[in-house]
Amino acid sequence: MTFLRLIPLALRSGLLMGAGTALIAVPFALELDPAALVTGVAVGGIMVALGLAGTDSSGRGTLPVSAQAIYDRGIALGLVLVAVMFAIADQTEAALVFGVAGVAALIVTSITRYSARPA
């Protein structure tokens, strides 16, 4: 294990589920526009599903580790792009919410150890 790969897959799954749940709830709490609400629910739901699918490295309903890494990077980059789109549309609160979530996802993705360890 290198120094930069600190987060194991199980913790990554928990963080992803927590972030997805927050991404569903925060736009409602901030009373954002309908576009931000729909985006938050859709992306948050996908994040929770990916978190659940990554809780184990084998078995039914799980994803291979390589797929988890690709999906995590895609979610992170997608959140940053969504933040840019909301900024262009002059919705600063929504841009901030999705921008912070995207940057946090990029950081977690960059320090996650994407390797399965045998039980």
PDB file of N, CA and C in Angstrom:
ATOM      1  N   MET A   1       0.846  -1.183   0.000  1.00  0.00           N
ATOM      2  CA  MET A   1       0.000   0.000   0.000  1.00  0.00           C
ATOM      3  C   MET A   1       0.883   1.235   0.000  1.00  0.00           C
ATOM      4  N   THR A   2       0.611   2.149  -0.894  1.00  0.00           N
ATOM      5  CA  THR A   2       1.357   3.391  -0.919  1.00  0.00           C
ATOM      6  C   THR A   2       0.753   4.368   0.076  1.00  0.00           C
ATOM      7  N   PHE A   3       1.499   5.386   0.363  1.00  0.00           N
ATOM      8  CA  PHE A   3       1.045   6.377   1.335  1.00  0.00           C
ATOM      9  C   PHE A   3      -0.203   7.108   0.855  1.00  0.00           C
ATOM     10  N   LEU A   4      -0.328   7.320  -0.446  1.00  0.00           N
ATOM     11  CA  LEU A   4      -1.447   8.094  -0.972  1.00  0.00           C
ATOM     12  C   LEU A   4      -2.742   7.301  -1.082  1.00  0.00           C
ATOM     13  N   ARG A   5      -2.688   6.004  -1.036  1.00  0.00           N
ATOM     14  CA  ARG A   5      -3.896   5.178  -1.157  1.00  0.00           C
ATOM     15  C   ARG A   5      -4.355   4.745   0.223  1.00  0.00           C
ATOM     16  N   LEU A   6      -5.057   5.619   0.919  1.00  0.00           N
ATOM     17  CA  LEU A   6      -5.393   5.383   2.312  1.00  0.00           C
ATOM     18  C   LEU A   6      -6.779   4.808   2.545  1.00  0.00           C
ATOM     19  N   ILE A   7      -7.709   5.059   1.648  1.00  0.00           N
ATOM     20  CA  ILE A   7      -9.102   4.685   1.892  1.00  0.00           C
ATOM     21  C   ILE A   7      -9.373   3.301   1.308  1.00  0.00           C
ATOM     22  N   PRO A   8      -9.759   2.327   2.145  1.00  0.00           N
ATOM     23  CA  PRO A   8     -10.129   1.015   1.608  1.00  0.00           C
ATOM     24  C   PRO A   8     -11.504   1.060   0.953  1.00  0.00           C
ATOM     25  N   LEU A   9     -11.821   0.019   0.193  1.00  0.00           N
ATOM     26  CA  LEU A   9     -13.086  -0.018  -0.553  1.00  0.00           C
ATOM     27  C   LEU A   9     -14.313   0.044   0.348  1.00  0.00           C
ATOM     28  N   ALA A  10     -14.261  -0.594   1.503  1.00  0.00           N
ATOM     29  CA  ALA A  10     -15.427  -0.576   2.389  1.00  0.00           C
ATOM     30  C   ALA A  10     -15.723   0.837   2.879  1.00  0.00           C
ATOM     31  N   LEU A  11     -14.696   1.587   3.233  1.00  0.00           N
ATOM     32  CA  LEU A  11     -14.892   2.968   3.658  1.00  0.00           C
ATOM     33  C   LEU A  11     -15.364   3.822   2.495  1.00  0.00           C
ATOM     34  N   ARG A  12     -14.825   3.584   1.313  1.00  0.00           N
ATOM     35  CA  ARG A  12     -15.250   4.304   0.112  1.00  0.00           C
ATOM     36  C   ARG A  12     -16.742   4.111  -0.129  1.00  0.00           C
ATOM     37  N   SER A  13     -17.229   2.887   0.053  1.00  0.00           N
ATOM     38  CA  SER A  13     -18.654   2.620  -0.137  1.00  0.00           C
ATOM     39  C   SER A  13     -19.500   3.386   0.876  1.00  0.00           C
ATOM     40  N   GLY A  14     -19.054   3.422   2.102  1.00  0.00           N
ATOM     41  CA  GLY A  14     -19.780   4.165   3.125  1.00  0.00           C
ATOM     42  C   GLY A  14     -19.792   5.661   2.846  1.00  0.00           C
ATOM     43  N   LEU A  15     -18.650   6.194   2.432  1.00  0.00           N
ATOM     44  CA  LEU A  15     -18.581   7.615   2.086  1.00  0.00           C
ATOM     45  C   LEU A  15     -19.476   7.939   0.899  1.00  0.00           C
ATOM     46  N   LEU A  16     -19.495   7.036  -0.073  1.00  0.00           N
ATOM     47  CA  LEU A  16     -20.323   7.254  -1.255  1.00  0.00           C
ATOM     48  C   LEU A  16     -21.807   7.241  -0.900  1.00  0.00           C
ATOM     49  N   MET A  17     -22.205   6.343  -0.015  1.00  0.00           N
ATOM     50  CA  MET A  17     -23.604   6.301   0.404  1.00  0.00           C
ATOM     51  C   MET A  17     -23.983   7.554   1.193  1.00  0.00           C
ATOM     52  N   GLY A  18     -23.096   8.003   2.068  1.00  0.00           N
ATOM     53  CA  GLY A  18     -23.359   9.221   2.835  1.00  0.00           C
ATOM     54  C   GLY A  18     -23.433  10.450   1.948  1.00  0.00           C
ATOM     55  N   ALA A  19     -22.511  10.548   0.989  1.00  0.00           N
ATOM     56  CA  ALA A  19     -22.502  11.691   0.079  1.00  0.00           C
ATOM     57  C   ALA A  19     -23.732  11.674  -0.824  1.00  0.00           C
ATOM     58  N   GLY A  20     -24.132  10.497  -1.268  1.00  0.00           N
ATOM     59  CA  GLY A  20     -25.326  10.392  -2.101  1.00  0.00           C
ATOM     60  C   GLY A  20     -26.579  10.804  -1.353  1.00  0.00           C
ATOM     61  N   THR A  21     -26.681  10.376  -0.109  1.00  0.00           N
ATOM     62  CA  THR A  21     -27.823  10.759   0.714  1.00  0.00           C
ATOM     63  C   THR A  21     -27.838  12.267   0.958  1.00  0.00           C
ATOM     64  N   ALA A  22     -26.661  12.830   1.217  1.00  0.00           N
ATOM     65  CA  ALA A  22     -26.576  14.282   1.413  1.00  0.00           C
ATOM     66  C   ALA A  22     -26.933  15.032   0.138  1.00  0.00           C
ATOM     67  N   LEU A  23     -26.516  14.500  -0.999  1.00  0.00           N
ATOM     68  CA  LEU A  23     -26.810  15.156  -2.265  1.00  0.00           C
ATOM     69  C   LEU A  23     -28.307  15.108  -2.584  1.00  0.00           C
ATOM     70  N   ILE A  24     -28.999  14.140  -2.047  1.00  0.00           N
ATOM     71  CA  ILE A  24     -30.454  14.092  -2.199  1.00  0.00           C
ATOM     72  C   ILE A  24     -31.120  15.117  -1.279  1.00  0.00           C
ATOM     73  N   ALA A  25     -30.630  15.238  -0.047  1.00  0.00           N
ATOM     74  CA  ALA A  25     -31.298  16.064   0.959  1.00  0.00           C
ATOM     75  C   ALA A  25     -30.952  17.550   0.883  1.00  0.00           C
ATOM     76  N   VAL A  26     -29.701  17.877   0.581  1.00  0.00           N
ATOM     77  CA  VAL A  26     -29.255  19.277   0.647  1.00  0.00           C
ATOM     78  C   VAL A  26     -30.010  20.199  -0.316  1.00  0.00           C
ATOM     79  N   PRO A  27     -30.248  19.817  -1.573  1.00  0.00           N
ATOM     80  CA  PRO A  27     -31.021  20.732  -2.427  1.00  0.00           C
ATOM     81  C   PRO A  27     -32.427  21.027  -1.901  1.00  0.00           C
ATOM     82  N   PHE A  28     -33.040  20.045  -1.232  1.00  0.00           N
ATOM     83  CA  PHE A  28     -34.353  20.285  -0.628  1.00  0.00           C
ATOM     84  C   PHE A  28     -34.225  21.233   0.564  1.00  0.00           C
ATOM     85  N   ALA A  29     -33.193  21.025   1.384  1.00  0.00           N
ATOM     86  CA  ALA A  29     -33.004  21.867   2.568  1.00  0.00           C
ATOM     87  C   ALA A  29     -32.707  23.312   2.179  1.00  0.00           C
ATOM     88  N   LEU A  30     -31.986  23.507   1.081  1.00  0.00           N
ATOM     89  CA  LEU A  30     -31.656  24.858   0.630  1.00  0.00           C
ATOM     90  C   LEU A  30     -32.733  25.467  -0.263  1.00  0.00           C
ATOM     91  N   GLU A  31     -33.794  24.699  -0.530  1.00  0.00           N
ATOM     92  CA  GLU A  31     -34.904  25.135  -1.385  1.00  0.00           C
ATOM     93  C   GLU A  31     -34.400  25.631  -2.738  1.00  0.00           C
ATOM     94  N   LEU A  32     -33.612  24.802  -3.404  1.00  0.00           N
ATOM     95  CA  LEU A  32     -33.063  25.142  -4.710  1.00  0.00           C
ATOM     96  C   LEU A  32     -34.117  24.976  -5.795  1.00  0.00           C
ATOM     97  N   ASP A  33     -33.783  25.419  -6.989  1.00  0.00           N
ATOM     98  CA  ASP A  33     -34.689  25.332  -8.130  1.00  0.00           C
ATOM     99  C   ASP A  33     -34.983  23.873  -8.493  1.00  0.00           C
ATOM    100  N   PRO A  34     -36.074  23.626  -9.223  1.00  0.00           N
ATOM    101  CA  PRO A  34     -36.421  22.248  -9.591  1.00  0.00           C
ATOM    102  C   PRO A  34     -35.318  21.502 -10.342  1.00  0.00           C
ATOM    103  N   ALA A  35     -34.563  22.188 -11.178  1.00  0.00           N
ATOM    104  CA  ALA A  35     -33.486  21.508 -11.909  1.00  0.00           C
ATOM    105  C   ALA A  35     -32.432  20.961 -10.949  1.00  0.00           C
ATOM    106  N   ALA A  36     -32.103  21.731  -9.925  1.00  0.00           N
ATOM    107  CA  ALA A  36     -31.128  21.276  -8.937  1.00  0.00           C
ATOM    108  C   ALA A  36     -31.698  20.139  -8.088  1.00  0.00           C
ATOM    109  N   LEU A  37     -32.993  20.201  -7.784  1.00  0.00           N
ATOM    110  CA  LEU A  37     -33.625  19.122  -7.014  1.00  0.00           C
ATOM    111  C   LEU A  37     -33.585  17.800  -7.780  1.00  0.00           C
ATOM    112  N   VAL A  38     -33.973  17.858  -9.047  1.00  0.00           N
ATOM    113  CA  VAL A  38     -33.990  16.649  -9.869  1.00  0.00           C
ATOM    114  C   VAL A  38     -32.579  16.105 -10.046  1.00  0.00           C
ATOM    115  N   THR A  39     -31.631  16.996 -10.292  1.00  0.00           N
ATOM    116  CA  THR A  39     -30.241  16.561 -10.462  1.00  0.00           C
ATOM    117  C   THR A  39     -29.707  15.940  -9.180  1.00  0.00           C
ATOM    118  N   GLY A  40     -29.991  16.551  -8.048  1.00  0.00           N
ATOM    119  CA  GLY A  40     -29.537  16.019  -6.768  1.00  0.00           C
ATOM    120  C   GLY A  40     -30.116  14.650  -6.467  1.00  0.00           C
ATOM    121  N   VAL A  41     -31.405  14.480  -6.717  1.00  0.00           N
ATOM    122  CA  VAL A  41     -32.038  13.180  -6.462  1.00  0.00           C
ATOM    123  C   VAL A  41     -31.487  12.114  -7.414  1.00  0.00           C
ATOM    124  N   ALA A  42     -31.327  12.464  -8.684  1.00  0.00           N
ATOM    125  CA  ALA A  42     -30.842  11.487  -9.660  1.00  0.00           C
ATOM    126  C   ALA A  42     -29.395  11.075  -9.376  1.00  0.00           C
ATOM    127  N   VAL A  43     -28.520  12.056  -9.214  1.00  0.00           N
ATOM    128  CA  VAL A  43     -27.112  11.733  -8.985  1.00  0.00           C
ATOM    129  C   VAL A  43     -26.919  11.112  -7.602  1.00  0.00           C
ATOM    130  N   GLY A  44     -27.633  11.621  -6.606  1.00  0.00           N
ATOM    131  CA  GLY A  44     -27.549  11.032  -5.266  1.00  0.00           C
ATOM    132  C   GLY A  44     -28.019   9.590  -5.242  1.00  0.00           C
ATOM    133  N   GLY A  45     -29.089   9.290  -5.968  1.00  0.00           N
ATOM    134  CA  GLY A  45     -29.570   7.908  -6.055  1.00  0.00           C
ATOM    135  C   GLY A  45     -28.559   6.987  -6.718  1.00  0.00           C
ATOM    136  N   ILE A  46     -27.924   7.485  -7.762  1.00  0.00           N
ATOM    137  CA  ILE A  46     -26.886   6.686  -8.428  1.00  0.00           C
ATOM    138  C   ILE A  46     -25.714   6.450  -7.485  1.00  0.00           C
ATOM    139  N   MET A  47     -25.342   7.479  -6.722  1.00  0.00           N
ATOM    140  CA  MET A  47     -24.225   7.331  -5.791  1.00  0.00           C
ATOM    141  C   MET A  47     -24.543   6.317  -4.691  1.00  0.00           C
ATOM    142  N   VAL A  48     -25.750   6.361  -4.164  1.00  0.00           N
ATOM    143  CA  VAL A  48     -26.142   5.382  -3.139  1.00  0.00           C
ATOM    144  C   VAL A  48     -26.127   3.970  -3.720  1.00  0.00           C
ATOM    145  N   ALA A  49     -26.636   3.814  -4.938  1.00  0.00           N
ATOM    146  CA  ALA A  49     -26.641   2.497  -5.577  1.00  0.00           C
ATOM    147  C   ALA A  49     -25.219   1.999  -5.810  1.00  0.00           C
ATOM    148  N   LEU A  50     -24.321   2.874  -6.248  1.00  0.00           N
ATOM    149  CA  LEU A  50     -22.924   2.470  -6.447  1.00  0.00           C
ATOM    150  C   LEU A  50     -22.252   2.138  -5.121  1.00  0.00           C
ATOM    151  N   GLY A  51     -22.607   2.870  -4.081  1.00  0.00           N
ATOM    152  CA  GLY A  51     -22.070   2.556  -2.761  1.00  0.00           C
ATOM    153  C   GLY A  51     -22.523   1.189  -2.284  1.00  0.00           C
ATOM    154  N   LEU A  52     -23.792   0.866  -2.498  1.00  0.00           N
ATOM    155  CA  LEU A  52     -24.300  -0.453  -2.110  1.00  0.00           C
ATOM    156  C   LEU A  52     -23.677  -1.563  -2.946  1.00  0.00           C
ATOM    157  N   ALA A  53     -23.461  -1.306  -4.225  1.00  0.00           N
ATOM    158  CA  ALA A  53     -22.886  -2.319  -5.102  1.00  0.00           C
ATOM    159  C   ALA A  53     -21.398  -2.529  -4.832  1.00  0.00           C
ATOM    160  N   GLY A  54     -20.777  -1.613  -4.115  1.00  0.00           N
ATOM    161  CA  GLY A  54     -19.358  -1.745  -3.835  1.00  0.00           C
ATOM    162  C   GLY A  54     -19.039  -2.190  -2.428  1.00  0.00           C
ATOM    163  N   THR A  55     -20.034  -2.674  -1.682  1.00  0.00           N
ATOM    164  CA  THR A  55     -19.794  -3.063  -0.298  1.00  0.00           C
ATOM    165  C   THR A  55     -19.059  -4.390  -0.159  1.00  0.00           C
ATOM    166  N   ASP A  56     -19.019  -5.178  -1.212  1.00  0.00           N
ATOM    167  CA  ASP A  56     -18.320  -6.460  -1.182  1.00  0.00           C
ATOM    168  C   ASP A  56     -17.595  -6.619  -2.510  1.00  0.00           C
ATOM    169  N   SER A  57     -16.538  -7.396  -2.511  1.00  0.00           N
ATOM    170  CA  SER A  57     -15.765  -7.552  -3.749  1.00  0.00           C
ATOM    171  C   SER A  57     -16.207  -8.751  -4.582  1.00  0.00           C
ATOM    172  N   SER A  58     -17.147  -9.540  -4.070  1.00  0.00           N
ATOM    173  CA  SER A  58     -17.643 -10.674  -4.842  1.00  0.00           C
ATOM    174  C   SER A  58     -19.096 -10.934  -4.465  1.00  0.00           C
ATOM    175  N   GLY A  59     -19.764 -11.686  -5.313  1.00  0.00           N
ATOM    176  CA  GLY A  59     -21.138 -12.038  -5.029  1.00  0.00           C
ATOM    177  C   GLY A  59     -22.116 -11.328  -5.930  1.00  0.00           C
ATOM    178  N   ARG A  60     -23.364 -11.673  -5.738  1.00  0.00           N
ATOM    179  CA  ARG A  60     -24.430 -11.120  -6.567  1.00  0.00           C
ATOM    180  C   ARG A  60     -24.686  -9.663  -6.214  1.00  0.00           C
ATOM    181  N   GLY A  61     -24.858  -8.836  -7.240  1.00  0.00           N
ATOM    182  CA  GLY A  61     -25.176  -7.438  -7.029  1.00  0.00           C
ATOM    183  C   GLY A  61     -23.980  -6.551  -6.744  1.00  0.00           C
ATOM    184  N   THR A  62     -22.777  -7.085  -6.919  1.00  0.00           N
ATOM    185  CA  THR A  62     -21.596  -6.258  -6.680  1.00  0.00           C
ATOM    186  C   THR A  62     -20.924  -5.900  -8.004  1.00  0.00           C
ATOM    187  N   LEU A  63     -20.089  -4.902  -7.955  1.00  0.00           N
ATOM    188  CA  LEU A  63     -19.352  -4.449  -9.134  1.00  0.00           C
ATOM    189  C   LEU A  63     -17.886  -4.853  -9.012  1.00  0.00           C
ATOM    190  N   PRO A  64     -17.229  -5.153 -10.137  1.00  0.00           N
ATOM    191  CA  PRO A  64     -15.786  -5.374 -10.081  1.00  0.00           C
ATOM    192  C   PRO A  64     -15.076  -4.096  -9.622  1.00  0.00           C
ATOM    193  N   VAL A  65     -13.925  -4.252  -9.021  1.00  0.00           N
ATOM    194  CA  VAL A  65     -13.184  -3.120  -8.486  1.00  0.00           C
ATOM    195  C   VAL A  65     -12.823  -2.132  -9.598  1.00  0.00           C
ATOM    196  N   SER A  66     -12.462  -2.637 -10.771  1.00  0.00           N
ATOM    197  CA  SER A  66     -12.109  -1.732 -11.875  1.00  0.00           C
ATOM    198  C   SER A  66     -13.308  -0.888 -12.301  1.00  0.00           C
ATOM    199  N   ALA A  67     -14.498  -1.460 -12.269  1.00  0.00           N
ATOM    200  CA  ALA A  67     -15.711  -0.711 -12.616  1.00  0.00           C
ATOM    201  C   ALA A  67     -16.012   0.339 -11.552  1.00  0.00           C
ATOM    202  N   GLN A  68     -15.776   0.007 -10.288  1.00  0.00           N
ATOM    203  CA  GLN A  68     -15.994   0.975  -9.218  1.00  0.00           C
ATOM    204  C   GLN A  68     -15.113   2.207  -9.417  1.00  0.00           C
ATOM    205  N   ALA A  69     -13.860   1.989  -9.782  1.00  0.00           N
ATOM    206  CA  ALA A  69     -12.939   3.108  -9.996  1.00  0.00           C
ATOM    207  C   ALA A  69     -13.411   3.995 -11.140  1.00  0.00           C
ATOM    208  N   ILE A  70     -13.849   3.388 -12.224  1.00  0.00           N
ATOM    209  CA  ILE A  70     -14.310   4.160 -13.380  1.00  0.00           C
ATOM    210  C   ILE A  70     -15.582   4.931 -13.047  1.00  0.00           C
ATOM    211  N   TYR A  71     -16.530   4.291 -12.376  1.00  0.00           N
ATOM    212  CA  TYR A  71     -17.772   4.971 -12.006  1.00  0.00           C
ATOM    213  C   TYR A  71     -17.507   6.126 -11.042  1.00  0.00           C
ATOM    214  N   ASP A  72     -16.593   5.927 -10.092  1.00  0.00           N
ATOM    215  CA  ASP A  72     -16.280   6.995  -9.145  1.00  0.00           C
ATOM    216  C   ASP A  72     -15.709   8.215  -9.856  1.00  0.00           C
ATOM    217  N   ARG A  73     -14.800   7.982 -10.787  1.00  0.00           N
ATOM    218  CA  ARG A  73     -14.225   9.104 -11.542  1.00  0.00           C
ATOM    219  C   ARG A  73     -15.293   9.783 -12.400  1.00  0.00           C
ATOM    220  N   GLY A  74     -16.159   8.984 -12.998  1.00  0.00           N
ATOM    221  CA  GLY A  74     -17.235   9.547 -13.816  1.00  0.00           C
ATOM    222  C   GLY A  74     -18.190  10.393 -13.003  1.00  0.00           C
ATOM    223  N   ILE A  75     -18.570   9.920 -11.823  1.00  0.00           N
ATOM    224  CA  ILE A  75     -19.456  10.690 -10.941  1.00  0.00           C
ATOM    225  C   ILE A  75     -18.784  12.001 -10.545  1.00  0.00           C
ATOM    226  N   ALA A  76     -17.507  11.935 -10.178  1.00  0.00           N
ATOM    227  CA  ALA A  76     -16.797  13.135  -9.739  1.00  0.00           C
ATOM    228  C   ALA A  76     -16.713  14.169 -10.867  1.00  0.00           C
ATOM    229  N   LEU A  77     -16.300  13.729 -12.037  1.00  0.00           N
ATOM    230  CA  LEU A  77     -16.200  14.665 -13.159  1.00  0.00           C
ATOM    231  C   LEU A  77     -17.573  15.177 -13.583  1.00  0.00           C
ATOM    232  N   GLY A  78     -18.579  14.312 -13.533  1.00  0.00           N
ATOM    233  CA  GLY A  78     -19.938  14.733 -13.864  1.00  0.00           C
ATOM    234  C   GLY A  78     -20.459  15.789 -12.902  1.00  0.00           C
ATOM    235  N   LEU A  79     -20.167  15.635 -11.613  1.00  0.00           N
ATOM    236  CA  LEU A  79     -20.600  16.635 -10.637  1.00  0.00           C
ATOM    237  C   LEU A  79     -19.929  17.980 -10.881  1.00  0.00           C
ATOM    238  N   VAL A  80     -18.652  17.961 -11.232  1.00  0.00           N
ATOM    239  CA  VAL A  80     -17.956  19.215 -11.534  1.00  0.00           C
ATOM    240  C   VAL A  80     -18.566  19.872 -12.775  1.00  0.00           C
ATOM    241  N   LEU A  81     -18.864  19.076 -13.796  1.00  0.00           N
ATOM    242  CA  LEU A  81     -19.486  19.632 -15.008  1.00  0.00           C
ATOM    243  C   LEU A  81     -20.884  20.183 -14.723  1.00  0.00           C
ATOM    244  N   VAL A  82     -21.638  19.498 -13.883  1.00  0.00           N
ATOM    245  CA  VAL A  82     -22.966  19.995 -13.501  1.00  0.00           C
ATOM    246  C   VAL A  82     -22.829  21.322 -12.758  1.00  0.00           C
ATOM    247  N   ALA A  83     -21.832  21.426 -11.898  1.00  0.00           N
ATOM    248  CA  ALA A  83     -21.600  22.685 -11.182  1.00  0.00           C
ATOM    249  C   ALA A  83     -21.289  23.824 -12.154  1.00  0.00           C
ATOM    250  N   VAL A  84     -20.497  23.521 -13.183  1.00  0.00           N
ATOM    251  CA  VAL A  84     -20.193  24.538 -14.195  1.00  0.00           C
ATOM    252  C   VAL A  84     -21.468  24.949 -14.927  1.00  0.00           C
ATOM    253  N   MET A  85     -22.307  23.988 -15.255  1.00  0.00           N
ATOM    254  CA  MET A  85     -23.551  24.298 -15.959  1.00  0.00           C
ATOM    255  C   MET A  85     -24.479  25.164 -15.090  1.00  0.00           C
ATOM    256  N   PHE A  86     -24.565  24.862 -13.807  1.00  0.00           N
ATOM    257  CA  PHE A  86     -25.390  25.690 -12.923  1.00  0.00           C
ATOM    258  C   PHE A  86     -24.781  27.081 -12.764  1.00  0.00           C
ATOM    259  N   ALA A  87     -23.463  27.177 -12.768  1.00  0.00           N
ATOM    260  CA  ALA A  87     -22.819  28.495 -12.693  1.00  0.00           C
ATOM    261  C   ALA A  87     -23.117  29.309 -13.943  1.00  0.00           C
ATOM    262  N   ILE A  88     -23.095  28.663 -15.102  1.00  0.00           N
ATOM    263  CA  ILE A  88     -23.431  29.358 -16.349  1.00  0.00           C
ATOM    264  C   ILE A  88     -24.885  29.829 -16.318  1.00  0.00           C
ATOM    265  N   ALA A  89     -25.762  29.025 -15.727  1.00  0.00           N
ATOM    266  CA  ALA A  89     -27.182  29.377 -15.632  1.00  0.00           C
ATOM    267  C   ALA A  89     -27.461  30.358 -14.497  1.00  0.00           C
ATOM    268  N   ASP A  90     -26.411  30.857 -13.843  1.00  0.00           N
ATOM    269  CA  ASP A  90     -26.514  31.850 -12.781  1.00  0.00           C
ATOM    270  C   ASP A  90     -27.287  31.330 -11.565  1.00  0.00           C
ATOM    271  N   GLN A  91     -27.056  30.065 -11.226  1.00  0.00           N
ATOM    272  CA  GLN A  91     -27.622  29.475 -10.018  1.00  0.00           C
ATOM    273  C   GLN A  91     -26.459  29.132  -9.091  1.00  0.00           C
ATOM    274  N   THR A  92     -25.990  30.154  -8.379  1.00  0.00           N
ATOM    275  CA  THR A  92     -24.762  30.012  -7.600  1.00  0.00           C
ATOM    276  C   THR A  92     -24.876  29.003  -6.467  1.00  0.00           C
ATOM    277  N   GLU A  93     -26.002  28.950  -5.782  1.00  0.00           N
ATOM    278  CA  GLU A  93     -26.140  28.002  -4.682  1.00  0.00           C
ATOM    279  C   GLU A  93     -26.037  26.562  -5.190  1.00  0.00           C
ATOM    280  N   ALA A  94     -26.716  26.274  -6.276  1.00  0.00           N
ATOM    281  CA  ALA A  94     -26.658  24.932  -6.846  1.00  0.00           C
ATOM    282  C   ALA A  94     -25.250  24.628  -7.352  1.00  0.00           C
ATOM    283  N   ALA A  95     -24.617  25.608  -7.977  1.00  0.00           N
ATOM    284  CA  ALA A  95     -23.251  25.414  -8.454  1.00  0.00           C
ATOM    285  C   ALA A  95     -22.311  25.116  -7.297  1.00  0.00           C
ATOM    286  N   LEU A  96     -22.506  25.784  -6.179  1.00  0.00           N
ATOM    287  CA  LEU A  96     -21.673  25.534  -5.007  1.00  0.00           C
ATOM    288  C   LEU A  96     -21.890  24.132  -4.448  1.00  0.00           C
ATOM    289  N   VAL A  97     -23.146  23.724  -4.334  1.00  0.00           N
ATOM    290  CA  VAL A  97     -23.454  22.398  -3.798  1.00  0.00           C
ATOM    291  C   VAL A  97     -22.812  21.305  -4.657  1.00  0.00           C
ATOM    292  N   PHE A  98     -23.032  21.360  -5.954  1.00  0.00           N
ATOM    293  CA  PHE A  98     -22.512  20.319  -6.826  1.00  0.00           C
ATOM    294  C   PHE A  98     -21.006  20.438  -7.031  1.00  0.00           C
ATOM    295  N   GLY A  99     -20.481  21.662  -6.985  1.00  0.00           N
ATOM    296  CA  GLY A  99     -19.037  21.845  -7.098  1.00  0.00           C
ATOM    297  C   GLY A  99     -18.298  21.268  -5.908  1.00  0.00           C
ATOM    298  N   VAL A 100     -18.802  21.534  -4.706  1.00  0.00           N
ATOM    299  CA  VAL A 100     -18.173  20.978  -3.498  1.00  0.00           C
ATOM    300  C   VAL A 100     -18.268  19.456  -3.510  1.00  0.00           C
ATOM    301  N   ALA A 101     -19.421  18.928  -3.898  1.00  0.00           N
ATOM    302  CA  ALA A 101     -19.569  17.470  -3.967  1.00  0.00           C
ATOM    303  C   ALA A 101     -18.621  16.871  -5.004  1.00  0.00           C
ATOM    304  N   GLY A 102     -18.465  17.536  -6.153  1.00  0.00           N
ATOM    305  CA  GLY A 102     -17.574  17.036  -7.194  1.00  0.00           C
ATOM    306  C   GLY A 102     -16.116  17.048  -6.777  1.00  0.00           C
ATOM    307  N   VAL A 103     -15.680  18.136  -6.156  1.00  0.00           N
ATOM    308  CA  VAL A 103     -14.288  18.223  -5.705  1.00  0.00           C
ATOM    309  C   VAL A 103     -14.024  17.204  -4.598  1.00  0.00           C
ATOM    310  N   ALA A 104     -14.978  17.046  -3.679  1.00  0.00           N
ATOM    311  CA  ALA A 104     -14.820  16.041  -2.627  1.00  0.00           C
ATOM    312  C   ALA A 104     -14.748  14.633  -3.222  1.00  0.00           C
ATOM    313  N   ALA A 105     -15.575  14.367  -4.227  1.00  0.00           N
ATOM    314  CA  ALA A 105     -15.538  13.052  -4.878  1.00  0.00           C
ATOM    315  C   ALA A 105     -14.217  12.834  -5.607  1.00  0.00           C
ATOM    316  N   LEU A 106     -13.678  13.871  -6.228  1.00  0.00           N
ATOM    317  CA  LEU A 106     -12.371  13.754  -6.885  1.00  0.00           C
ATOM    318  C   LEU A 106     -11.272  13.442  -5.877  1.00  0.00           C
ATOM    319  N   ILE A 107     -11.323  14.094  -4.721  1.00  0.00           N
ATOM    320  CA  ILE A 107     -10.317  13.847  -3.686  1.00  0.00           C
ATOM    321  C   ILE A 107     -10.412  12.419  -3.168  1.00  0.00           C
ATOM    322  N   VAL A 108     -11.633  11.974  -2.859  1.00  0.00           N
ATOM    323  CA  VAL A 108     -11.814  10.604  -2.352  1.00  0.00           C
ATOM    324  C   VAL A 108     -11.390   9.584  -3.404  1.00  0.00           C
ATOM    325  N   THR A 109     -11.719   9.840  -4.665  1.00  0.00           N
ATOM    326  CA  THR A 109     -11.328   8.928  -5.738  1.00  0.00           C
ATOM    327  C   THR A 109      -9.818   8.849  -5.880  1.00  0.00           C
ATOM    328  N   SER A 110      -9.149   9.964  -5.675  1.00  0.00           N
ATOM    329  CA  SER A 110      -7.699   9.969  -5.857  1.00  0.00           C
ATOM    330  C   SER A 110      -6.956   9.280  -4.723  1.00  0.00           C
ATOM    331  N   ILE A 111      -7.564   9.150  -3.547  1.00  0.00           N
ATOM    332  CA  ILE A 111      -6.863   8.498  -2.438  1.00  0.00           C
ATOM    333  C   ILE A 111      -7.474   7.149  -2.044  1.00  0.00           C
ATOM    334  N   THR A 112      -8.360   6.620  -2.867  1.00  0.00           N
ATOM    335  CA  THR A 112      -8.951   5.313  -2.580  1.00  0.00           C
ATOM    336  C   THR A 112      -8.062   4.195  -3.122  1.00  0.00           C
ATOM    337  N   ARG A 113      -7.928   3.151  -2.339  1.00  0.00           N
ATOM    338  CA  ARG A 113      -7.165   1.970  -2.745  1.00  0.00           C
ATOM    339  C   ARG A 113      -8.137   1.029  -3.458  1.00  0.00           C
ATOM    340  N   TYR A 114      -8.072   1.018  -4.776  1.00  0.00           N
ATOM    341  CA  TYR A 114      -8.976   0.183  -5.580  1.00  0.00           C
ATOM    342  C   TYR A 114      -8.348  -1.190  -5.794  1.00  0.00           C
ATOM    343  N   SER A 115      -8.306  -1.964  -4.726  1.00  0.00           N
ATOM    344  CA  SER A 115      -7.837  -3.348  -4.826  1.00  0.00           C
ATOM    345  C   SER A 115      -8.611  -4.168  -3.807  1.00  0.00           C
ATOM    346  N   ALA A 116      -9.037  -5.320  -4.224  1.00  0.00           N
ATOM    347  CA  ALA A 116      -9.803  -6.195  -3.347  1.00  0.00           C
ATOM    348  C   ALA A 116      -8.850  -7.038  -2.528  1.00  0.00           C
ATOM    349  N   ARG A 117      -9.122  -7.124  -1.261  1.00  0.00           N
ATOM    350  CA  ARG A 117      -8.315  -7.974  -0.379  1.00  0.00           C
ATOM    351  C   ARG A 117      -9.133  -9.210  -0.027  1.00  0.00           C
ATOM    352  N   PRO A 118      -8.499 -10.380  -0.092  1.00  0.00           N
ATOM    353  CA  PRO A 118      -9.236 -11.598   0.261  1.00  0.00           C
ATOM    354  C   PRO A 118      -9.626 -11.602   1.725  1.00  0.00           C
ATOM    355  N   ALA A 119     -10.768 -12.185   2.011  1.00  0.00           N
ATOM    356  CA  ALA A 119     -11.277 -12.220   3.389  1.00  0.00           C
ATOM    357  C   ALA A 119     -10.546 -13.224   4.228  1.00  0.00           C
TER     358      ALA A 119
END
